[in-house]
């Protein structure tokens, strides 16, 4: 399967109470061609990662409504779209939405920490779409096992083709989901709900990165 076929298969996935950013549009925030932009963004990142090569694969649970739902990129909000573009050189990633740039707390911590790692990392989710509560599209819910299993072949393709040296599960939910699929991963704390310091220390430990007080100070200021 080629990267373009991968993106096409992803765009065809449909589940109840789920927003597929690669085929669905948000009437309130999206540009008219938002799904196409998000598909293009994702394919640019996948193609670049296939040629780097990637050192690690960081996997969280699902896309969030303030982050990946809008950008089409895991653990990436619009405030860090440029950082994602620079992760693999200088990719021409584009915004798919209108209005003010929206930031997400989790993305903020992840991208600050990525600067410490300084290695090619590919970001993904166990469930690569945005699941939401019924009648509340701008909310987050945990995906179901059936939804996860439907997306499993895509994750297996990424692992087989990116061949990461390390897979990192971000959060307990992601770790349990990966274990359920028979995928071995190191686990770090999810940075939300007060877990940012444990997440940072967990990543530093995995990559042998020394403590950086200036980064801690910057994170503390940005999260106030």
C-alpha atoms as a PDB file:
ATOM      1  CA  UNK A   1       0.000   0.000   0.000  1.00  0.00           C
ATOM      2  CA  UNK A   2       1.342   3.415  -0.960  1.00  0.00           C
ATOM      3  CA  UNK A   3       1.109   6.490   1.259  1.00  0.00           C
ATOM      4  CA  UNK A   4      -1.588   7.932  -1.009  1.00  0.00           C
ATOM      5  CA  UNK A   5      -3.645   4.735  -0.654  1.00  0.00           C
ATOM      6  CA  UNK A   6      -3.112   4.934   3.108  1.00  0.00           C
ATOM      7  CA  UNK A   7      -4.598   8.432   3.215  1.00  0.00           C
ATOM      8  CA  UNK A   8      -7.490   7.417   0.955  1.00  0.00           C
ATOM      9  CA  UNK A   9      -8.353   4.455   3.190  1.00  0.00           C
ATOM     10  CA  UNK A  10      -8.207   6.705   6.238  1.00  0.00           C
ATOM     11  CA  UNK A  11     -10.520   9.230   4.587  1.00  0.00           C
ATOM     12  CA  UNK A  12     -13.130   6.531   3.899  1.00  0.00           C
ATOM     13  CA  UNK A  13     -13.511   5.527   7.549  1.00  0.00           C
ATOM     14  CA  UNK A  14     -16.855   6.496   9.066  1.00  0.00           C
ATOM     15  CA  UNK A  15     -18.167   5.863  12.586  1.00  0.00           C
ATOM     16  CA  UNK A  16     -21.082   7.194  14.591  1.00  0.00           C
ATOM     17  CA  UNK A  17     -20.278  10.312  16.644  1.00  0.00           C
ATOM     18  CA  UNK A  18     -16.908  10.651  14.951  1.00  0.00           C
ATOM     19  CA  UNK A  19     -15.437  13.443  12.854  1.00  0.00           C
ATOM     20  CA  UNK A  20     -13.118  12.290  10.071  1.00  0.00           C
ATOM     21  CA  UNK A  21     -10.965  15.373   9.329  1.00  0.00           C
ATOM     22  CA  UNK A  22      -9.841  13.854   6.019  1.00  0.00           C
ATOM     23  CA  UNK A  23     -13.366  13.672   4.579  1.00  0.00           C
ATOM     24  CA  UNK A  24     -15.635  15.713   6.900  1.00  0.00           C
ATOM     25  CA  UNK A  25     -15.924  19.475   7.070  1.00  0.00           C
ATOM     26  CA  UNK A  26     -16.925  21.680   9.983  1.00  0.00           C
ATOM     27  CA  UNK A  27     -19.459  24.295   8.895  1.00  0.00           C
ATOM     28  CA  UNK A  28     -18.430  26.633  11.701  1.00  0.00           C
ATOM     29  CA  UNK A  29     -14.622  26.670  11.421  1.00  0.00           C
ATOM     30  CA  UNK A  30     -13.392  24.918   8.269  1.00  0.00           C
ATOM     31  CA  UNK A  31     -12.418  26.303   4.899  1.00  0.00           C
ATOM     32  CA  UNK A  32     -14.459  24.907   2.030  1.00  0.00           C
ATOM     33  CA  UNK A  33     -11.596  22.593   1.013  1.00  0.00           C
ATOM     34  CA  UNK A  34     -10.501  21.701   4.554  1.00  0.00           C
ATOM     35  CA  UNK A  35     -10.605  17.885   4.156  1.00  0.00           C
ATOM     36  CA  UNK A  36      -8.364  18.105   1.070  1.00  0.00           C
ATOM     37  CA  UNK A  37      -5.893  20.336   2.930  1.00  0.00           C
ATOM     38  CA  UNK A  38      -5.737  17.915   5.858  1.00  0.00           C
ATOM     39  CA  UNK A  39      -5.238  14.950   3.522  1.00  0.00           C
ATOM     40  CA  UNK A  40      -2.419  16.820   1.801  1.00  0.00           C
ATOM     41  CA  UNK A  41      -0.818  17.735   5.133  1.00  0.00           C
ATOM     42  CA  UNK A  42      -0.871  14.149   6.336  1.00  0.00           C
ATOM     43  CA  UNK A  43       0.533  12.736   3.114  1.00  0.00           C
ATOM     44  CA  UNK A  44       3.359  15.297   3.144  1.00  0.00           C
ATOM     45  CA  UNK A  45       4.297  14.236   6.668  1.00  0.00           C
ATOM     46  CA  UNK A  46       4.067  10.500   5.928  1.00  0.00           C
ATOM     47  CA  UNK A  47       6.162  10.792   2.758  1.00  0.00           C
ATOM     48  CA  UNK A  48       8.785  12.846   4.577  1.00  0.00           C
ATOM     49  CA  UNK A  49       8.883  10.373   7.476  1.00  0.00           C
ATOM     50  CA  UNK A  50       9.353   7.470   5.076  1.00  0.00           C
ATOM     51  CA  UNK A  51      12.517   9.140   3.770  1.00  0.00           C
ATOM     52  CA  UNK A  52      14.145  10.399   7.031  1.00  0.00           C
ATOM     53  CA  UNK A  53      14.170   7.646   8.531  1.00  0.00           C
ATOM     54  CA  UNK A  54      12.071   7.988  11.674  1.00  0.00           C
ATOM     55  CA  UNK A  55      13.635   7.182  15.047  1.00  0.00           C
ATOM     56  CA  UNK A  56      10.443   6.898  17.094  1.00  0.00           C
ATOM     57  CA  UNK A  57       6.681   6.637  16.871  1.00  0.00           C
ATOM     58  CA  UNK A  58       4.728   8.490  19.589  1.00  0.00           C
ATOM     59  CA  UNK A  59       1.142   7.257  19.859  1.00  0.00           C
ATOM     60  CA  UNK A  60      -1.651   8.900  21.851  1.00  0.00           C
ATOM     61  CA  UNK A  61      -5.308   7.851  22.085  1.00  0.00           C
ATOM     62  CA  UNK A  62      -7.470   9.905  19.674  1.00  0.00           C
ATOM     63  CA  UNK A  63      -7.491  13.201  17.816  1.00  0.00           C
ATOM     64  CA  UNK A  64      -8.701  16.108  19.975  1.00  0.00           C
ATOM     65  CA  UNK A  65     -11.202  18.744  18.905  1.00  0.00           C
ATOM     66  CA  UNK A  66      -8.744  21.619  19.431  1.00  0.00           C
ATOM     67  CA  UNK A  67      -5.837  19.853  17.736  1.00  0.00           C
ATOM     68  CA  UNK A  68      -5.888  17.046  15.190  1.00  0.00           C
ATOM     69  CA  UNK A  69      -9.539  17.585  14.284  1.00  0.00           C
ATOM     70  CA  UNK A  70      -8.477  20.958  12.856  1.00  0.00           C
ATOM     71  CA  UNK A  71      -4.989  20.152  11.484  1.00  0.00           C
ATOM     72  CA  UNK A  72      -5.320  16.499  10.520  1.00  0.00           C
ATOM     73  CA  UNK A  73      -2.033  15.827  12.340  1.00  0.00           C
ATOM     74  CA  UNK A  74      -1.773  13.926  15.610  1.00  0.00           C
ATOM     75  CA  UNK A  75      -0.784  15.869  18.731  1.00  0.00           C
ATOM     76  CA  UNK A  76      -0.545  19.032  16.662  1.00  0.00           C
ATOM     77  CA  UNK A  77      -2.633  22.173  17.055  1.00  0.00           C
ATOM     78  CA  UNK A  78      -2.591  25.138  14.690  1.00  0.00           C
ATOM     79  CA  UNK A  79      -0.144  26.985  16.937  1.00  0.00           C
ATOM     80  CA  UNK A  80       2.442  24.273  16.235  1.00  0.00           C
ATOM     81  CA  UNK A  81       1.706  23.539  12.591  1.00  0.00           C
ATOM     82  CA  UNK A  82       4.913  25.345  11.608  1.00  0.00           C
ATOM     83  CA  UNK A  83       6.886  23.247  14.110  1.00  0.00           C
ATOM     84  CA  UNK A  84       5.490  20.089  12.527  1.00  0.00           C
ATOM     85  CA  UNK A  85       6.503  21.392   9.110  1.00  0.00           C
ATOM     86  CA  UNK A  86      10.074  21.966  10.360  1.00  0.00           C
ATOM     87  CA  UNK A  87      10.294  18.532  11.982  1.00  0.00           C
ATOM     88  CA  UNK A  88      11.037  17.031   8.571  1.00  0.00           C
ATOM     89  CA  UNK A  89      12.730  20.013   6.949  1.00  0.00           C
ATOM     90  CA  UNK A  90      10.290  22.628   5.722  1.00  0.00           C
ATOM     91  CA  UNK A  91       7.071  21.024   4.557  1.00  0.00           C
ATOM     92  CA  UNK A  92       4.392  23.274   2.981  1.00  0.00           C
ATOM     93  CA  UNK A  93       1.736  22.452   5.579  1.00  0.00           C
ATOM     94  CA  UNK A  94      -1.372  24.642   5.511  1.00  0.00           C
ATOM     95  CA  UNK A  95      -4.172  25.662   7.849  1.00  0.00           C
ATOM     96  CA  UNK A  96      -7.541  24.144   7.012  1.00  0.00           C
ATOM     97  CA  UNK A  97      -9.575  26.483   9.194  1.00  0.00           C
ATOM     98  CA  UNK A  98     -10.689  30.115   9.330  1.00  0.00           C
ATOM     99  CA  UNK A  99     -10.508  32.597  12.189  1.00  0.00           C
ATOM    100  CA  UNK A 100      -8.037  32.819  15.090  1.00  0.00           C
ATOM    101  CA  UNK A 101      -5.396  30.132  15.585  1.00  0.00           C
ATOM    102  CA  UNK A 102      -6.558  27.613  18.197  1.00  0.00           C
ATOM    103  CA  UNK A 103      -4.066  26.175  20.697  1.00  0.00           C
ATOM    104  CA  UNK A 104      -4.235  22.923  22.657  1.00  0.00           C
ATOM    105  CA  UNK A 105      -2.514  22.305  25.998  1.00  0.00           C
ATOM    106  CA  UNK A 106      -1.378  18.761  25.153  1.00  0.00           C
ATOM    107  CA  UNK A 107       0.127  19.838  21.826  1.00  0.00           C
ATOM    108  CA  UNK A 108       1.961  22.680  23.552  1.00  0.00           C
ATOM    109  CA  UNK A 109       3.727  20.338  25.977  1.00  0.00           C
ATOM    110  CA  UNK A 110       4.444  17.691  23.328  1.00  0.00           C
ATOM    111  CA  UNK A 111       6.075  20.164  20.962  1.00  0.00           C
ATOM    112  CA  UNK A 112       8.166  21.808  23.668  1.00  0.00           C
ATOM    113  CA  UNK A 113       9.422  18.343  24.645  1.00  0.00           C
ATOM    114  CA  UNK A 114      10.116  17.339  21.048  1.00  0.00           C
ATOM    115  CA  UNK A 115      12.611  20.193  20.881  1.00  0.00           C
ATOM    116  CA  UNK A 116      14.599  18.492  23.637  1.00  0.00           C
ATOM    117  CA  UNK A 117      14.596  15.102  21.910  1.00  0.00           C
ATOM    118  CA  UNK A 118      15.983  16.487  18.619  1.00  0.00           C
ATOM    119  CA  UNK A 119      15.282  13.254  16.732  1.00  0.00           C
ATOM    120  CA  UNK A 120      12.857  12.375  13.924  1.00  0.00           C
ATOM    121  CA  UNK A 121       9.577  11.396  15.585  1.00  0.00           C
ATOM    122  CA  UNK A 122       6.310  10.452  13.893  1.00  0.00           C
ATOM    123  CA  UNK A 123       3.138  11.344  15.792  1.00  0.00           C
ATOM    124  CA  UNK A 124       0.001   9.218  15.612  1.00  0.00           C
ATOM    125  CA  UNK A 125      -3.096   8.090  17.511  1.00  0.00           C
ATOM    126  CA  UNK A 126      -4.427   4.617  18.215  1.00  0.00           C
ATOM    127  CA  UNK A 127      -7.707   5.887  16.785  1.00  0.00           C
ATOM    128  CA  UNK A 128      -6.686   8.412  14.113  1.00  0.00           C
ATOM    129  CA  UNK A 129     -10.022  10.273  13.968  1.00  0.00           C
ATOM    130  CA  UNK A 130     -11.893  12.563  16.385  1.00  0.00           C
ATOM    131  CA  UNK A 131     -14.527  10.739  18.466  1.00  0.00           C
ATOM    132  CA  UNK A 132     -16.966  13.022  20.255  1.00  0.00           C
ATOM    133  CA  UNK A 133     -19.981  12.820  22.548  1.00  0.00           C
ATOM    134  CA  UNK A 134     -23.425  12.488  20.887  1.00  0.00           C
ATOM    135  CA  UNK A 135     -24.761  15.845  19.660  1.00  0.00           C
ATOM    136  CA  UNK A 136     -21.599  17.616  20.845  1.00  0.00           C
ATOM    137  CA  UNK A 137     -19.029  17.669  18.017  1.00  0.00           C
ATOM    138  CA  UNK A 138     -16.667  19.948  19.951  1.00  0.00           C
ATOM    139  CA  UNK A 139     -16.035  17.453  22.743  1.00  0.00           C
ATOM    140  CA  UNK A 140     -13.789  14.437  23.208  1.00  0.00           C
ATOM    141  CA  UNK A 141     -14.652  10.845  24.034  1.00  0.00           C
ATOM    142  CA  UNK A 142     -12.637   7.650  24.118  1.00  0.00           C
ATOM    143  CA  UNK A 143     -12.939   5.470  21.037  1.00  0.00           C
ATOM    144  CA  UNK A 144     -14.421   1.976  21.306  1.00  0.00           C
ATOM    145  CA  UNK A 145     -12.566  -1.267  20.794  1.00  0.00           C
ATOM    146  CA  UNK A 146     -14.498  -1.905  17.563  1.00  0.00           C
ATOM    147  CA  UNK A 147     -13.430   1.505  16.240  1.00  0.00           C
ATOM    148  CA  UNK A 148      -9.841   0.787  17.209  1.00  0.00           C
ATOM    149  CA  UNK A 149      -9.801  -2.599  15.505  1.00  0.00           C
ATOM    150  CA  UNK A 150     -11.170  -1.084  12.296  1.00  0.00           C
ATOM    151  CA  UNK A 151      -8.138   1.224  12.206  1.00  0.00           C
ATOM    152  CA  UNK A 152      -5.578  -1.391  13.240  1.00  0.00           C
ATOM    153  CA  UNK A 153      -4.359  -2.182   9.693  1.00  0.00           C
ATOM    154  CA  UNK A 154      -3.363   1.464   9.226  1.00  0.00           C
ATOM    155  CA  UNK A 155      -1.270   1.470  12.399  1.00  0.00           C
ATOM    156  CA  UNK A 156       0.363  -1.820  11.447  1.00  0.00           C
ATOM    157  CA  UNK A 157       1.235  -0.342   8.028  1.00  0.00           C
ATOM    158  CA  UNK A 158       2.862   2.678   9.663  1.00  0.00           C
ATOM    159  CA  UNK A 159       4.960   0.539  11.991  1.00  0.00           C
ATOM    160  CA  UNK A 160       6.012  -1.801   9.177  1.00  0.00           C
ATOM    161  CA  UNK A 161       6.984   1.000   6.820  1.00  0.00           C
ATOM    162  CA  UNK A 162       8.420   3.587   9.216  1.00  0.00           C
ATOM    163  CA  UNK A 163      10.304   0.898  11.173  1.00  0.00           C
ATOM    164  CA  UNK A 164      10.756   2.999  14.324  1.00  0.00           C
ATOM    165  CA  UNK A 165      13.426   1.988  16.824  1.00  0.00           C
ATOM    166  CA  UNK A 166      11.092   2.955  19.651  1.00  0.00           C
ATOM    167  CA  UNK A 167       7.314   3.142  20.071  1.00  0.00           C
ATOM    168  CA  UNK A 168       6.084   5.395  22.874  1.00  0.00           C
ATOM    169  CA  UNK A 169       2.521   5.207  24.229  1.00  0.00           C
ATOM    170  CA  UNK A 170       1.420   8.594  25.535  1.00  0.00           C
ATOM    171  CA  UNK A 171      -0.940   7.894  28.392  1.00  0.00           C
ATOM    172  CA  UNK A 172      -2.407   4.797  30.003  1.00  0.00           C
ATOM    173  CA  UNK A 173      -5.317   4.541  27.546  1.00  0.00           C
ATOM    174  CA  UNK A 174      -2.952   4.444  24.572  1.00  0.00           C
ATOM    175  CA  UNK A 175      -0.677   1.917  26.302  1.00  0.00           C
ATOM    176  CA  UNK A 176      -3.588  -0.422  27.080  1.00  0.00           C
ATOM    177  CA  UNK A 177      -4.960  -0.106  23.551  1.00  0.00           C
ATOM    178  CA  UNK A 178      -1.585  -0.918  21.994  1.00  0.00           C
ATOM    179  CA  UNK A 179      -1.105  -3.883  24.326  1.00  0.00           C
ATOM    180  CA  UNK A 180      -4.567  -5.121  23.353  1.00  0.00           C
ATOM    181  CA  UNK A 181      -3.388  -5.103  19.738  1.00  0.00           C
ATOM    182  CA  UNK A 182      -0.166  -6.916  20.618  1.00  0.00           C
ATOM    183  CA  UNK A 183       2.071  -3.887  20.051  1.00  0.00           C
ATOM    184  CA  UNK A 184       4.934  -3.396  22.497  1.00  0.00           C
ATOM    185  CA  UNK A 185       5.511   0.200  23.565  1.00  0.00           C
ATOM    186  CA  UNK A 186       7.203   2.196  26.286  1.00  0.00           C
ATOM    187  CA  UNK A 187       4.691   4.189  28.322  1.00  0.00           C
ATOM    188  CA  UNK A 188       4.865   7.777  29.536  1.00  0.00           C
ATOM    189  CA  UNK A 189       2.299   9.831  31.416  1.00  0.00           C
ATOM    190  CA  UNK A 190      -0.125  11.836  29.298  1.00  0.00           C
ATOM    191  CA  UNK A 191       0.650  15.553  29.727  1.00  0.00           C
ATOM    192  CA  UNK A 192      -2.960  16.592  30.391  1.00  0.00           C
ATOM    193  CA  UNK A 193      -4.589  17.004  33.822  1.00  0.00           C
ATOM    194  CA  UNK A 194      -1.397  17.975  35.606  1.00  0.00           C
ATOM    195  CA  UNK A 195       0.746  15.290  34.028  1.00  0.00           C
ATOM    196  CA  UNK A 196       3.091  17.554  32.053  1.00  0.00           C
ATOM    197  CA  UNK A 197       6.097  17.216  34.372  1.00  0.00           C
ATOM    198  CA  UNK A 198       5.818  13.413  34.506  1.00  0.00           C
ATOM    199  CA  UNK A 199       5.486  13.343  30.721  1.00  0.00           C
ATOM    200  CA  UNK A 200       8.593  15.493  30.277  1.00  0.00           C
ATOM    201  CA  UNK A 201      10.629  13.424  32.731  1.00  0.00           C
ATOM    202  CA  UNK A 202       9.431  10.191  31.121  1.00  0.00           C
ATOM    203  CA  UNK A 203      10.537  11.332  27.674  1.00  0.00           C
ATOM    204  CA  UNK A 204      13.868  12.598  29.012  1.00  0.00           C
ATOM    205  CA  UNK A 205      14.481   9.232  30.639  1.00  0.00           C
ATOM    206  CA  UNK A 206      13.688   7.302  27.443  1.00  0.00           C
ATOM    207  CA  UNK A 207      15.998   9.462  25.327  1.00  0.00           C
ATOM    208  CA  UNK A 208      18.719  10.145  27.883  1.00  0.00           C
ATOM    209  CA  UNK A 209      18.090  13.879  27.789  1.00  0.00           C
ATOM    210  CA  UNK A 210      19.414  15.948  30.687  1.00  0.00           C
ATOM    211  CA  UNK A 211      17.131  18.288  32.586  1.00  0.00           C
ATOM    212  CA  UNK A 212      16.726  21.711  31.000  1.00  0.00           C
ATOM    213  CA  UNK A 213      15.573  24.341  33.490  1.00  0.00           C
ATOM    214  CA  UNK A 214      14.955  26.903  30.797  1.00  0.00           C
ATOM    215  CA  UNK A 215      12.491  24.581  29.030  1.00  0.00           C
ATOM    216  CA  UNK A 216      10.711  23.896  32.340  1.00  0.00           C
ATOM    217  CA  UNK A 217      10.390  27.614  32.956  1.00  0.00           C
ATOM    218  CA  UNK A 218       9.066  28.236  29.465  1.00  0.00           C
ATOM    219  CA  UNK A 219       6.474  25.469  29.831  1.00  0.00           C
ATOM    220  CA  UNK A 220       5.380  26.755  33.224  1.00  0.00           C
ATOM    221  CA  UNK A 221       4.879  30.263  31.843  1.00  0.00           C
ATOM    222  CA  UNK A 222       3.027  29.104  28.732  1.00  0.00           C
ATOM    223  CA  UNK A 223       0.633  26.868  30.686  1.00  0.00           C
ATOM    224  CA  UNK A 224      -0.372  29.468  33.291  1.00  0.00           C
END
